[in-house]
Amino acid sequence: MTTTTATAAYWEPVWAGGRRYRQVTDTEAALLADRVTQGDLRSLPDPAYAVVACRLVYRWMDDKPASSTASDNSSPPAVRSGSSPRSPAAGRPVIPSSISESAPPRPRSSPPAGPSYEPPTWTCCGATHSGPDLGVNPLDDTEQQNLLAWKAYGEHHLRRGTPLPELDRISWGPAVDGPGDDLFGDLGGLRVLDIGCGPGRHAAHLARTYGAQVDGIDASASQIERARARYPDVPGLRLVHTDAVEHLGTSMPYDVIYSLSTLHFLDPHRLLPALAASLKPGGRLYFTVLHTNSAGDGPSSTVASRPEILRLADGGDLTVHMWVLTTEAWEELLTRYGLRVRGVTVLDAPDKGNRASYRLFQVQRPTRISSRPRTTKPPVPQAAVGVGTVLLGPRGLLLGRHRLGTWELPGGTVEPGESLRETAVRELAEETGLYADPEDVRLLGMFLDRVGDVVRITFGTLVTRWRGEPADQPEESVGGWRWWPLDALPPDLFECSAQILTAWRPDLPIDHAPAHFTPVTDPDSTAPVRPGT
C-alpha cells in the first residue's frame, strides 16, 4: 500500500470489476493504521477509508469471503470419541482443538442452520455497494463457516476466561514426549511466522526464548484479542488479525513459517502457492495436520474438505471443515507449488482406544529459484515473438502471477507495426497500469528457443523510468503485481522471464530451460533505477 494508491479514485475500478468489500471493524482499522501512514489516512474520506481497509484486511474475491486462519494453536490434542449436548449420538469421531480448552468434536453430515444474514452496504465513489450475498445461511460456504466458527470459539474462551499455562517448549503432537523446539535449529534474529497463532503462546515463547522476530497471525479477531491481552509487550513479537493468504501476499519473505494444527482448515490450493512465495530461498516450513480421527476415519487422496464438529468446553459445538489428506496427497501438493518435503513424522495419540493420528511435515523451499512453461502447448506462430520487461525499483523487482500459476515480468506479444520498445510500453500499461516512454526502454537482448515445432523469440527489455503504481487490470491474464527483493524471488517463474532475468543478472540463482542469447545492451550497464514521478 502506498500514498499513490490510497485514494478513492484509485479504488473506483474495483467496483466496476465486480469485487465487493465489507465494512471494517475497529480491530481491522487498527491493523490498517499499522500498514498505511497517518498522512494517507487523513487524506481519505470515511467511505474510501473503509474501502481501502477492506482491500488490505479482509478481501472478498470474486464475491466469496476470504477463508480463516484461526486456531487455538495449542499442541495437537488427543482425539477421542464423544457426544454433543445437541445430539444424543455417541461414539462418533471427534477433533478437539485443545486439550485444556475444548471437549472433543465429531463429524457432521450437514452444517447446522446459521443465523440470518444481511450483506452490509455502504456508499463510496458516488455509488452504493454491498458485501457478498451469501444467502440465508452463510455457513454453507466452507471457508466462511470456518471463519465464523473460530470467531465464536475465541469469544467463548474470552467469556469463560479459560486459563492456559505458559509454555517452555513447543509440543508438535498429542504426546508430551514428541518433537519439540529442537526441530527449528537456531532461530536467533530470523523472521518467523506463526499461522493460526490463537492465544499466541507459541509465538511468544519463540520470541522470548530464542530472540526470533515472530509474526503471529490469526483470522479470528477474538483469538488475537486474547493474544494481545496476554502478551502486550513481548520484544520481537507482532500479533496481527488477518487472513493468512492476504498476509502472505503483502509481507516480506520469512526464514521460517510454522503452524500447529491449522493448515488443514485452509484450502491448500489457495494457501500453498502463497506459502511457497513467502519463504526465502532455503526457508523452512513446519506444520501438523490431521491424518486419522479418533474413530479411525482416515485421510482422503481427493483434495476436498469434510465437516467435523469442534466441541467447546462447558458444552456446545461448532461445525468446521478440514482438508484431511493422505501423506502422498500433501507431498504432491507441496511439490506442485515449488516446495520440497524433507521429512514426515507420525504423531499418534498416546491414549488407548484413541486412533487419532497427525502428520508433522518438514518442508523447505529450494535455494535456487525454479521456472517452468505456462503450458505444454507451443505459442501460435503469429504470437511467437514477445517482449519481457524488467522494472527494478526501491522495493524490488516487479512480478505478477499468471492465471496458470507462473510468476512473470510484464510483457507480451509484439503487434504488427510496433517496435520492441513500443511493445514494452504498451504491455506495461495494459497489464499493470504503469506508464513509460519508449525512450526510457533499454533492449537487453534476444532469446531464441523452441517450444514444440514453433521457434520462439523473446526480447528482454529494461524500463529505466515509469509513472504510477502497479495494479491489476480488467480482463488481463496476469495480476497480483508486487515488488520482490532480488534475494527472495518466488518459485515457478515463467521460463521466458527466468531467461531474461539471468541474462540481466547472471548471479541470480534461477534455473530455466536453455535458450540462445544475443545481447543488445551490456547487462552490466543497467544499474538499478528509480521510478519516475
Protein backbone atom coordinates (compact mmCIF):
# COMPACT_ATOMS: atom_id res chain seq x y z
CA MET A 1 0.00 0.00 0.00
CA THR A 2 1.44 3.38 -0.94
CA THR A 3 0.40 7.00 -0.95
CA THR A 4 -0.29 6.77 -4.68
CA THR A 5 -2.99 4.14 -4.24
CA ALA A 6 -4.63 5.48 -1.06
CA THR A 7 -7.25 7.50 -2.90
CA ALA A 8 -10.90 6.96 -3.70
CA ALA A 9 -10.17 7.45 -7.39
CA TYR A 10 -7.72 4.54 -7.37
CA TRP A 11 -10.23 2.15 -5.83
CA GLU A 12 -13.17 3.03 -8.06
CA PRO A 13 -12.22 0.43 -10.73
CA VAL A 14 -12.53 -2.25 -8.05
CA TRP A 15 -16.30 -1.71 -8.02
CA ALA A 16 -16.52 -1.78 -11.79
CA GLY A 17 -14.71 -5.12 -11.70
CA GLY A 18 -17.49 -6.58 -9.56
CA ARG A 19 -15.40 -7.12 -6.43
CA ARG A 20 -17.13 -6.04 -3.26
CA TYR A 21 -15.83 -5.41 0.21
CA ARG A 22 -17.48 -5.18 3.61
CA GLN A 23 -17.05 -2.52 6.29
CA VAL A 24 -14.16 -2.88 8.70
CA THR A 25 -14.22 -3.39 12.45
CA ASP A 26 -12.29 -1.27 14.93
CA THR A 27 -9.71 -4.05 15.22
CA GLU A 28 -9.19 -4.09 11.47
CA ALA A 29 -8.94 -0.30 11.42
CA ALA A 30 -6.18 -0.55 13.99
CA LEU A 31 -4.38 -3.03 11.76
CA LEU A 32 -4.74 -0.70 8.81
CA ALA A 33 -3.16 2.09 10.83
CA ASP A 34 -0.05 -0.09 11.12
CA ARG A 35 0.13 -0.54 7.35
CA VAL A 36 -0.71 2.89 5.93
CA THR A 37 0.92 6.13 7.01
CA GLN A 38 -1.15 8.57 9.02
CA GLY A 39 -0.85 11.08 6.20
CA ASP A 40 -2.59 8.61 3.90
CA LEU A 41 -5.38 8.03 6.40
CA ARG A 42 -6.11 11.70 6.86
CA SER A 43 -6.36 12.15 3.10
CA LEU A 44 -9.24 9.70 2.79
CA PRO A 45 -12.94 10.39 3.37
CA ASP A 46 -14.57 7.86 5.69
CA PRO A 47 -16.20 5.69 2.97
CA ALA A 48 -12.98 5.50 0.96
CA TYR A 49 -11.06 4.68 4.13
CA ALA A 50 -13.40 1.72 4.66
CA VAL A 51 -12.84 0.53 1.11
CA VAL A 52 -9.05 0.71 1.37
CA ALA A 53 -9.15 -1.03 4.74
CA CYS A 54 -11.30 -3.84 3.38
CA ARG A 55 -8.92 -4.32 0.49
CA LEU A 56 -5.97 -4.63 2.86
CA VAL A 57 -7.52 -6.62 5.69
CA TYR A 58 -10.41 -8.80 4.51
CA ARG A 59 -10.83 -9.15 0.78
CA TRP A 60 -13.92 -10.53 -0.92
CA MET A 61 -12.51 -12.16 -4.02
CA ASP A 62 -14.99 -12.96 -6.76
CA ASP A 63 -17.85 -12.40 -4.29
CA LYS A 64 -16.55 -15.09 -1.91
CA PRO A 65 -15.17 -14.41 1.56
CA ALA A 66 -11.53 -14.97 2.36
CA SER A 67 -11.02 -18.09 4.42
CA SER A 68 -9.93 -18.18 8.02
CA THR A 69 -6.63 -18.87 9.62
CA ALA A 70 -7.73 -19.38 13.19
CA SER A 71 -6.61 -21.90 15.71
CA ASP A 72 -6.07 -22.24 19.40
CA ASN A 73 -2.53 -23.15 18.47
CA SER A 74 -2.07 -25.45 21.38
CA SER A 75 -0.25 -28.71 20.85
CA PRO A 76 -2.34 -31.12 18.75
CA PRO A 77 -4.62 -32.82 21.28
CA ALA A 78 -5.53 -36.41 21.72
CA VAL A 79 -8.60 -37.03 19.60
CA ARG A 80 -11.34 -39.13 21.10
CA SER A 81 -14.96 -40.11 20.64
CA GLY A 82 -17.75 -38.30 22.41
CA SER A 83 -21.26 -36.91 22.17
CA SER A 84 -22.64 -33.42 21.97
CA PRO A 85 -25.35 -31.88 24.15
CA ARG A 86 -27.17 -31.10 20.90
CA SER A 87 -27.27 -34.69 19.79
CA PRO A 88 -27.79 -37.96 21.63
CA ALA A 89 -25.47 -39.75 19.23
CA ALA A 90 -22.36 -41.08 20.92
CA GLY A 91 -19.20 -42.79 19.85
CA ARG A 92 -18.54 -40.59 16.84
CA PRO A 93 -15.00 -39.45 15.99
CA VAL A 94 -14.08 -36.02 17.32
CA ILE A 95 -11.27 -33.50 16.99
CA PRO A 96 -10.86 -31.09 19.91
CA SER A 97 -8.79 -28.01 19.22
CA SER A 98 -7.12 -28.02 22.63
CA ILE A 99 -6.68 -30.45 25.49
CA SER A 100 -7.17 -27.75 28.06
CA GLU A 101 -9.90 -25.72 26.40
CA SER A 102 -12.33 -27.87 24.45
CA ALA A 103 -14.23 -31.05 24.61
CA PRO A 104 -13.99 -33.34 21.56
CA PRO A 105 -15.73 -32.58 18.26
CA ARG A 106 -17.20 -35.09 15.84
CA PRO A 107 -18.06 -35.23 12.11
CA ARG A 108 -21.41 -33.97 11.00
CA SER A 109 -23.19 -34.74 7.77
CA SER A 110 -24.55 -31.23 7.30
CA PRO A 111 -23.92 -27.87 8.96
CA PRO A 112 -26.42 -26.50 11.46
CA ALA A 113 -28.76 -23.75 10.44
CA GLY A 114 -26.91 -20.46 10.62
CA PRO A 115 -28.16 -17.05 11.64
CA SER A 116 -29.97 -14.86 9.18
CA TYR A 117 -27.61 -12.68 7.20
CA GLU A 118 -27.91 -9.32 5.51
CA PRO A 119 -24.99 -8.22 3.33
CA PRO A 120 -23.56 -4.89 4.56
CA THR A 121 -23.92 -1.88 2.32
CA TRP A 122 -22.13 1.47 2.15
CA THR A 123 -21.55 4.37 -0.22
CA CYS A 124 -18.24 5.07 -1.89
CA CYS A 125 -17.10 6.81 -5.08
CA GLY A 126 -20.64 8.09 -5.69
CA ALA A 127 -22.35 4.69 -5.63
CA THR A 128 -23.84 2.25 -3.13
CA HIS A 129 -22.04 -1.06 -2.73
CA SER A 130 -22.73 -4.21 -0.79
CA GLY A 131 -20.81 -7.14 0.66
CA PRO A 132 -21.25 -10.61 -0.79
CA ASP A 133 -24.75 -12.05 -0.66
CA LEU A 134 -24.15 -15.41 0.93
CA GLY A 135 -27.82 -16.32 1.03
CA VAL A 136 -29.90 -17.17 4.10
CA ASN A 137 -27.20 -19.33 5.64
CA PRO A 138 -23.61 -18.08 5.17
CA LEU A 139 -22.33 -21.22 6.91
CA ASP A 140 -22.99 -23.16 3.71
CA ASP A 141 -19.74 -21.69 2.44
CA THR A 142 -16.88 -23.85 3.72
CA GLU A 143 -14.29 -21.17 4.35
CA GLN A 144 -16.78 -18.66 5.69
CA GLN A 145 -18.11 -21.27 8.08
CA ASN A 146 -14.61 -21.91 9.43
CA LEU A 147 -14.10 -18.18 9.94
CA LEU A 148 -17.35 -17.82 11.85
CA ALA A 149 -16.66 -20.94 13.91
CA TRP A 150 -13.24 -19.75 15.07
CA LYS A 151 -14.59 -16.30 15.82
CA ALA A 152 -17.22 -17.90 18.05
CA TYR A 153 -14.59 -20.20 19.56
CA GLY A 154 -12.39 -17.28 20.63
CA GLU A 155 -15.37 -15.35 22.01
CA HIS A 156 -16.38 -18.42 24.04
CA HIS A 157 -12.99 -18.55 25.75
CA LEU A 158 -12.90 -14.78 26.26
CA ARG A 159 -16.19 -15.01 28.16
CA ARG A 160 -15.04 -18.09 30.02
CA GLY A 161 -11.64 -16.69 30.91
CA THR A 162 -10.07 -20.05 30.11
CA PRO A 163 -6.69 -20.32 31.87
CA LEU A 164 -3.71 -21.53 29.83
CA PRO A 165 -0.26 -22.37 31.21
CA GLU A 166 2.86 -20.74 29.81
CA LEU A 167 4.98 -22.91 27.51
CA ASP A 168 8.61 -23.87 27.96
CA ARG A 169 8.69 -25.85 24.71
CA ILE A 170 6.58 -26.49 21.61
CA SER A 171 4.86 -29.88 21.51
CA TRP A 172 4.04 -30.78 17.94
CA GLY A 173 1.93 -33.84 18.69
CA PRO A 174 -0.53 -35.19 21.24
CA ALA A 175 2.23 -36.99 23.18
CA VAL A 176 4.26 -34.85 25.58
CA ASP A 177 7.49 -36.63 24.68
CA GLY A 178 7.22 -35.88 20.94
CA PRO A 179 9.28 -33.47 18.84
CA GLY A 180 9.90 -30.01 20.31
CA ASP A 181 11.81 -26.77 19.73
CA ASP A 182 14.92 -28.59 18.53
CA LEU A 183 13.20 -29.08 15.18
CA PHE A 184 13.77 -25.39 14.35
CA GLY A 185 17.50 -25.13 14.99
CA ASP A 186 18.89 -21.66 15.69
CA LEU A 187 16.16 -19.01 15.33
CA GLY A 188 18.12 -16.03 16.64
CA GLY A 189 17.32 -12.93 14.60
CA LEU A 190 15.31 -14.85 11.98
CA ARG A 191 11.94 -13.73 10.60
CA VAL A 192 9.38 -16.31 11.75
CA LEU A 193 5.65 -16.59 11.00
CA ASP A 194 3.10 -18.48 13.13
CA ILE A 195 -0.03 -19.17 11.04
CA GLY A 196 -3.07 -19.53 13.28
CA CYS A 197 -1.37 -18.25 16.41
CA GLY A 198 -4.53 -18.37 18.58
CA PRO A 199 -3.73 -17.07 22.09
CA GLY A 200 -0.13 -16.52 20.99
CA ARG A 201 1.67 -18.83 23.39
CA HIS A 202 3.95 -20.48 20.83
CA ALA A 203 4.84 -17.22 19.09
CA ALA A 204 5.62 -15.52 22.41
CA HIS A 205 7.74 -18.50 23.51
CA LEU A 206 9.91 -18.37 20.38
CA ALA A 207 10.35 -14.60 20.56
CA ARG A 208 11.32 -14.60 24.24
CA THR A 209 13.44 -17.76 24.31
CA TYR A 210 15.35 -17.54 21.04
CA GLY A 211 15.28 -13.87 20.06
CA ALA A 212 13.35 -14.54 16.86
CA GLN A 213 11.31 -11.81 15.14
CA VAL A 214 7.92 -13.52 15.20
CA ASP A 215 4.69 -12.51 13.49
CA GLY A 216 1.66 -14.33 14.90
CA ILE A 217 -1.38 -14.11 12.62
CA ASP A 218 -4.95 -15.29 13.05
CA ALA A 219 -8.16 -14.64 11.14
CA SER A 220 -10.20 -14.69 14.36
CA ALA A 221 -10.40 -11.24 15.96
CA SER A 222 -11.33 -12.83 19.27
CA GLN A 223 -8.25 -15.06 19.24
CA ILE A 224 -5.97 -12.11 18.50
CA GLU A 225 -7.71 -10.18 21.30
CA ARG A 226 -6.79 -12.99 23.69
CA ALA A 227 -3.19 -12.99 22.46
CA ARG A 228 -2.73 -9.23 22.71
CA ALA A 229 -4.20 -9.14 26.22
CA ARG A 230 -1.78 -11.83 27.34
CA TYR A 231 1.34 -10.60 25.52
CA PRO A 232 1.10 -6.82 25.15
CA ASP A 233 4.83 -6.03 25.01
CA VAL A 234 6.99 -9.08 24.20
CA PRO A 235 10.10 -7.85 22.30
CA GLY A 236 10.19 -9.21 18.76
CA LEU A 237 6.52 -10.34 18.80
CA ARG A 238 3.88 -8.85 16.48
CA LEU A 239 0.28 -10.10 16.63
CA VAL A 240 -1.85 -9.41 13.56
CA HIS A 241 -5.54 -10.03 12.83
CA THR A 242 -5.54 -11.04 9.16
CA ASP A 243 -6.26 -13.80 6.69
CA ALA A 244 -3.21 -15.99 6.06
CA VAL A 245 -3.15 -15.69 2.27
CA GLU A 246 -3.74 -11.94 2.43
CA HIS A 247 -0.83 -11.57 4.83
CA LEU A 248 1.50 -13.80 2.84
CA GLY A 249 0.77 -11.80 -0.29
CA THR A 250 1.84 -8.48 1.26
CA SER A 251 4.58 -9.34 3.79
CA MET A 252 8.31 -9.55 3.33
CA PRO A 253 9.58 -13.15 2.96
CA TYR A 254 10.19 -15.28 6.05
CA ASP A 255 13.07 -17.53 7.09
CA VAL A 256 10.75 -19.94 8.93
CA ILE A 257 6.97 -20.47 8.78
CA TYR A 258 5.20 -22.90 11.10
CA SER A 259 1.66 -23.89 12.00
CA LEU A 260 0.26 -26.26 14.60
CA SER A 261 -2.98 -27.93 13.50
CA THR A 262 -4.20 -25.00 11.42
CA LEU A 263 -3.34 -25.60 7.76
CA HIS A 264 -5.94 -28.35 7.44
CA PHE A 265 -8.64 -25.66 7.88
CA LEU A 266 -7.48 -23.86 4.71
CA ASP A 267 -7.89 -24.79 1.05
CA PRO A 268 -4.38 -25.97 0.09
CA HIS A 269 -4.78 -24.74 -3.47
CA ARG A 270 -5.29 -21.22 -2.11
CA LEU A 271 -2.71 -21.40 0.66
CA LEU A 272 0.31 -23.32 -0.63
CA PRO A 273 1.22 -21.02 -3.57
CA ALA A 274 1.25 -18.08 -1.16
CA LEU A 275 3.33 -20.04 1.35
CA ALA A 276 5.91 -21.02 -1.27
CA ALA A 277 6.24 -17.43 -2.48
CA SER A 278 6.58 -16.06 1.07
CA LEU A 279 9.51 -18.26 2.12
CA LYS A 280 13.01 -17.04 1.38
CA PRO A 281 15.03 -19.37 -0.86
CA GLY A 282 16.21 -22.07 1.52
CA GLY A 283 13.48 -21.09 4.01
CA ARG A 284 11.75 -23.77 6.09
CA LEU A 285 8.10 -24.69 6.70
CA TYR A 286 6.87 -26.89 9.57
CA PHE A 287 3.23 -27.86 10.08
CA THR A 288 1.00 -30.53 11.57
CA VAL A 289 -2.26 -31.79 10.05
CA LEU A 290 -4.83 -34.40 11.00
CA HIS A 291 -4.38 -37.79 9.33
CA THR A 292 -6.87 -40.07 11.14
CA ASN A 293 -9.55 -39.11 13.65
CA SER A 294 -10.39 -40.85 16.91
CA ALA A 295 -12.82 -43.34 15.34
CA GLY A 296 -10.26 -44.36 12.73
CA ASP A 297 -11.70 -42.37 9.81
CA GLY A 298 -8.63 -41.96 7.66
CA PRO A 299 -7.49 -39.39 5.11
CA SER A 300 -8.56 -38.91 1.52
CA SER A 301 -6.48 -38.75 -1.63
CA THR A 302 -9.03 -36.28 -3.04
CA VAL A 303 -8.31 -32.64 -2.23
CA ALA A 304 -11.63 -31.76 -0.62
CA SER A 305 -12.79 -30.75 2.84
CA ARG A 306 -15.02 -32.72 5.16
CA PRO A 307 -17.14 -31.50 8.10
CA GLU A 308 -16.06 -32.02 11.69
CA ILE A 309 -17.55 -30.81 14.97
CA LEU A 310 -15.48 -28.62 17.28
CA ARG A 311 -16.83 -29.13 20.78
CA LEU A 312 -16.48 -26.35 23.33
CA ALA A 313 -15.61 -26.63 26.97
CA ASP A 314 -18.74 -26.34 29.15
CA GLY A 315 -20.94 -27.59 26.30
CA GLY A 316 -21.90 -26.57 22.78
CA ASP A 317 -20.30 -27.38 19.47
CA LEU A 318 -19.27 -25.70 16.24
CA THR A 319 -19.04 -27.10 12.71
CA VAL A 320 -15.70 -26.73 10.97
CA HIS A 321 -14.38 -28.10 7.68
CA MET A 322 -10.98 -29.76 7.33
CA TRP A 323 -8.81 -30.96 4.46
CA VAL A 324 -7.82 -34.38 5.85
CA LEU A 325 -5.49 -35.71 3.16
CA THR A 326 -3.12 -38.62 2.73
CA THR A 327 0.59 -38.03 3.19
CA GLU A 328 1.07 -38.67 -0.53
CA ALA A 329 -1.55 -36.04 -1.41
CA TRP A 330 0.15 -33.44 0.79
CA GLU A 331 3.54 -34.28 -0.72
CA GLU A 332 2.18 -33.95 -4.26
CA LEU A 333 0.61 -30.57 -3.45
CA LEU A 334 3.74 -29.22 -1.79
CA THR A 335 5.90 -30.34 -4.71
CA ARG A 336 3.46 -28.88 -7.23
CA TYR A 337 3.82 -25.47 -5.64
CA GLY A 338 7.62 -25.45 -5.62
CA LEU A 339 8.41 -26.86 -2.14
CA ARG A 340 10.42 -29.93 -1.13
CA VAL A 341 9.39 -32.31 1.64
CA ARG A 342 12.39 -33.12 3.88
CA GLY A 343 10.61 -35.37 6.35
CA VAL A 344 7.25 -36.57 7.67
CA THR A 345 6.78 -37.69 11.28
CA VAL A 346 3.86 -39.81 12.50
CA LEU A 347 2.30 -38.41 15.71
CA ASP A 348 -0.17 -40.85 17.25
CA ALA A 349 -2.42 -40.21 20.24
CA PRO A 350 -0.99 -41.96 23.33
CA ASP A 351 -4.35 -42.95 24.86
CA LYS A 352 -5.62 -46.49 24.41
CA GLY A 353 -8.69 -46.68 22.22
CA ASN A 354 -7.93 -43.32 20.61
CA ARG A 355 -6.98 -43.92 16.97
CA ALA A 356 -6.23 -40.27 16.23
CA SER A 357 -3.04 -39.58 14.33
CA TYR A 358 -1.35 -36.47 12.98
CA ARG A 359 1.46 -35.87 10.50
CA LEU A 360 4.28 -33.40 11.04
CA PHE A 361 5.74 -32.13 7.76
CA GLN A 362 9.22 -30.63 7.49
CA VAL A 363 9.43 -28.71 4.22
CA GLN A 364 11.96 -26.43 2.56
CA ARG A 365 11.91 -24.03 -0.32
CA PRO A 366 14.80 -24.83 -2.69
CA THR A 367 17.73 -22.44 -2.58
CA ARG A 368 17.58 -21.99 -6.33
CA ILE A 369 14.53 -20.46 -7.99
CA SER A 370 12.54 -22.71 -10.28
CA SER A 371 10.93 -21.79 -13.60
CA ARG A 372 8.57 -23.59 -15.96
CA PRO A 373 6.44 -23.08 -19.07
CA ARG A 374 2.84 -21.96 -18.58
CA THR A 375 1.56 -24.97 -20.51
CA THR A 376 2.91 -27.78 -22.66
CA LYS A 377 1.37 -26.19 -25.75
CA PRO A 378 3.59 -24.06 -28.02
CA PRO A 379 2.54 -20.50 -28.88
CA VAL A 380 0.73 -19.95 -32.14
CA PRO A 381 3.24 -18.89 -34.83
CA GLN A 382 1.99 -15.32 -35.07
CA ALA A 383 2.41 -14.93 -31.28
CA ALA A 384 5.90 -16.43 -31.10
CA VAL A 385 7.72 -13.07 -30.82
CA GLY A 386 7.36 -11.43 -27.42
CA VAL A 387 8.86 -8.91 -25.04
CA GLY A 388 9.50 -9.21 -21.30
CA THR A 389 10.25 -6.09 -19.27
CA VAL A 390 12.37 -5.67 -16.14
CA LEU A 391 11.36 -2.98 -13.65
CA LEU A 392 13.62 -2.70 -10.60
CA GLY A 393 12.69 -0.04 -8.08
CA PRO A 394 13.44 0.74 -4.43
CA ARG A 395 11.08 -2.03 -3.30
CA GLY A 396 12.46 -4.70 -5.60
CA LEU A 397 11.59 -6.39 -8.90
CA LEU A 398 8.05 -6.20 -10.30
CA LEU A 399 6.37 -9.59 -10.94
CA GLY A 400 2.77 -10.66 -11.47
CA ARG A 401 1.09 -14.06 -11.27
CA HIS A 402 -0.41 -15.58 -14.42
CA ARG A 403 -3.75 -17.34 -14.07
CA LEU A 404 -1.90 -20.59 -14.87
CA GLY A 405 0.32 -20.12 -11.83
CA THR A 406 3.64 -18.76 -13.12
CA TRP A 407 5.24 -15.53 -11.84
CA GLU A 408 6.12 -13.23 -14.74
CA LEU A 409 7.64 -9.96 -15.83
CA PRO A 410 5.27 -7.55 -17.57
CA GLY A 411 5.24 -8.23 -21.29
CA GLY A 412 3.50 -9.83 -24.21
CA THR A 413 3.33 -10.35 -27.93
CA VAL A 414 4.65 -7.86 -30.48
CA GLU A 415 1.79 -6.49 -32.55
CA PRO A 416 2.08 -5.66 -36.27
CA GLY A 417 3.79 -2.33 -36.91
CA GLU A 418 5.23 -1.98 -33.39
CA SER A 419 8.82 -1.51 -32.40
CA LEU A 420 10.11 -3.59 -29.47
CA ARG A 421 10.22 -0.51 -27.23
CA GLU A 422 6.63 0.35 -28.16
CA THR A 423 5.55 -3.20 -27.32
CA ALA A 424 7.21 -2.98 -23.90
CA VAL A 425 5.48 0.33 -23.13
CA ARG A 426 2.06 -0.83 -24.35
CA GLU A 427 2.14 -4.16 -22.49
CA LEU A 428 3.32 -2.45 -19.32
CA ALA A 429 0.34 -0.11 -19.37
CA GLU A 430 -2.18 -2.81 -20.34
CA GLU A 431 -1.07 -5.28 -17.66
CA THR A 432 -0.03 -3.08 -14.72
CA GLY A 433 -1.40 0.44 -15.28
CA LEU A 434 2.16 1.81 -15.25
CA TYR A 435 3.21 4.28 -17.92
CA ALA A 436 6.61 4.72 -19.54
CA ASP A 437 8.04 6.37 -22.63
CA PRO A 438 9.75 4.36 -25.40
CA GLU A 439 12.97 6.34 -24.92
CA ASP A 440 13.14 5.02 -21.35
CA VAL A 441 13.25 1.39 -22.55
CA ARG A 442 16.62 -0.33 -22.97
CA LEU A 443 16.95 -3.50 -25.05
CA LEU A 444 18.88 -6.22 -23.23
CA GLY A 445 18.99 -8.86 -25.95
CA MET A 446 17.24 -11.60 -27.88
CA PHE A 447 16.46 -15.15 -26.70
CA LEU A 448 15.87 -17.95 -29.19
CA ASP A 449 14.40 -21.29 -28.16
CA ARG A 450 11.93 -23.88 -29.38
CA VAL A 451 8.57 -24.97 -28.00
CA GLY A 452 7.27 -27.99 -29.87
CA ASP A 453 7.50 -27.17 -33.56
CA VAL A 454 7.47 -23.40 -33.00
CA VAL A 455 10.62 -21.29 -32.85
CA ARG A 456 10.09 -18.73 -30.07
CA ILE A 457 11.84 -15.35 -29.97
CA THR A 458 11.78 -13.29 -26.78
CA PHE A 459 13.35 -9.88 -26.30
CA GLY A 460 14.37 -8.72 -22.83
CA THR A 461 13.97 -5.03 -22.01
CA LEU A 462 14.67 -2.79 -19.02
CA VAL A 463 12.47 0.21 -18.23
CA THR A 464 14.56 2.90 -16.53
CA ARG A 465 11.74 5.32 -15.65
CA TRP A 466 7.97 4.93 -15.18
CA ARG A 467 4.91 6.59 -13.64
CA GLY A 468 2.16 5.27 -11.37
CA GLU A 469 1.68 2.27 -9.10
CA PRO A 470 1.12 -1.30 -10.38
CA ALA A 471 -2.44 -2.60 -10.14
CA ASP A 472 -4.46 -5.45 -11.62
CA GLN A 473 -6.14 -4.51 -14.89
CA PRO A 474 -9.52 -5.79 -16.16
CA GLU A 475 -9.51 -8.89 -18.37
CA GLU A 476 -5.73 -9.37 -18.13
CA SER A 477 -4.34 -12.86 -17.50
CA VAL A 478 -1.59 -11.63 -15.17
CA GLY A 479 -2.32 -9.88 -11.87
CA GLY A 480 -1.32 -9.78 -8.22
CA TRP A 481 1.53 -7.41 -9.04
CA ARG A 482 4.06 -6.90 -6.27
CA TRP A 483 7.68 -5.91 -5.75
CA TRP A 484 10.05 -8.74 -4.85
CA PRO A 485 13.54 -8.41 -3.29
CA LEU A 486 16.14 -9.88 -5.63
CA ASP A 487 17.33 -12.21 -2.86
CA ALA A 488 13.80 -13.59 -2.29
CA LEU A 489 12.23 -14.13 -5.71
CA PRO A 490 9.29 -16.57 -5.86
CA PRO A 491 9.48 -20.08 -7.33
CA ASP A 492 7.69 -21.06 -10.54
CA LEU A 493 8.90 -18.17 -12.68
CA PHE A 494 7.71 -18.24 -16.28
CA GLU A 495 10.66 -19.65 -18.20
CA CYS A 496 10.91 -16.66 -20.57
CA SER A 497 11.01 -14.28 -17.60
CA ALA A 498 13.64 -16.51 -15.97
CA GLN A 499 15.80 -16.39 -19.10
CA ILE A 500 15.61 -12.59 -19.22
CA LEU A 501 16.44 -12.22 -15.52
CA THR A 502 19.52 -14.46 -15.65
CA ALA A 503 20.85 -12.61 -18.71
CA TRP A 504 20.28 -9.30 -16.91
CA ARG A 505 21.72 -10.52 -13.60
CA PRO A 506 23.79 -13.71 -14.11
CA ASP A 507 24.31 -14.05 -10.34
CA LEU A 508 20.60 -14.72 -9.69
CA PRO A 509 20.13 -18.40 -8.66
CA ILE A 510 17.43 -19.19 -11.24
CA ASP A 511 17.06 -22.49 -13.09
CA HIS A 512 15.41 -22.45 -16.53
CA ALA A 513 15.25 -24.13 -19.91
CA PRO A 514 18.20 -23.17 -22.17
CA ALA A 515 17.89 -20.52 -24.84
CA HIS A 516 20.33 -18.93 -27.28
CA PHE A 517 21.00 -15.37 -26.11
CA THR A 518 22.28 -12.50 -28.27
CA PRO A 519 22.96 -9.37 -26.16
CA VAL A 520 21.99 -5.93 -27.38
CA THR A 521 22.91 -3.92 -24.28
CA ASP A 522 25.67 -4.83 -21.85
CA PRO A 523 23.74 -6.05 -18.76
CA ASP A 524 26.42 -4.51 -16.51
CA SER A 525 25.38 -1.05 -17.69
CA THR A 526 21.80 -1.50 -16.50
CA ALA A 527 22.14 -0.44 -12.87
CA PRO A 528 19.05 -0.33 -10.63
CA VAL A 529 16.91 2.70 -11.31
CA ARG A 530 14.18 4.57 -9.52
CA PRO A 531 10.64 5.06 -10.86
CA GLY A 532 9.70 8.39 -12.36
CA THR A 533 7.26 10.74 -10.75
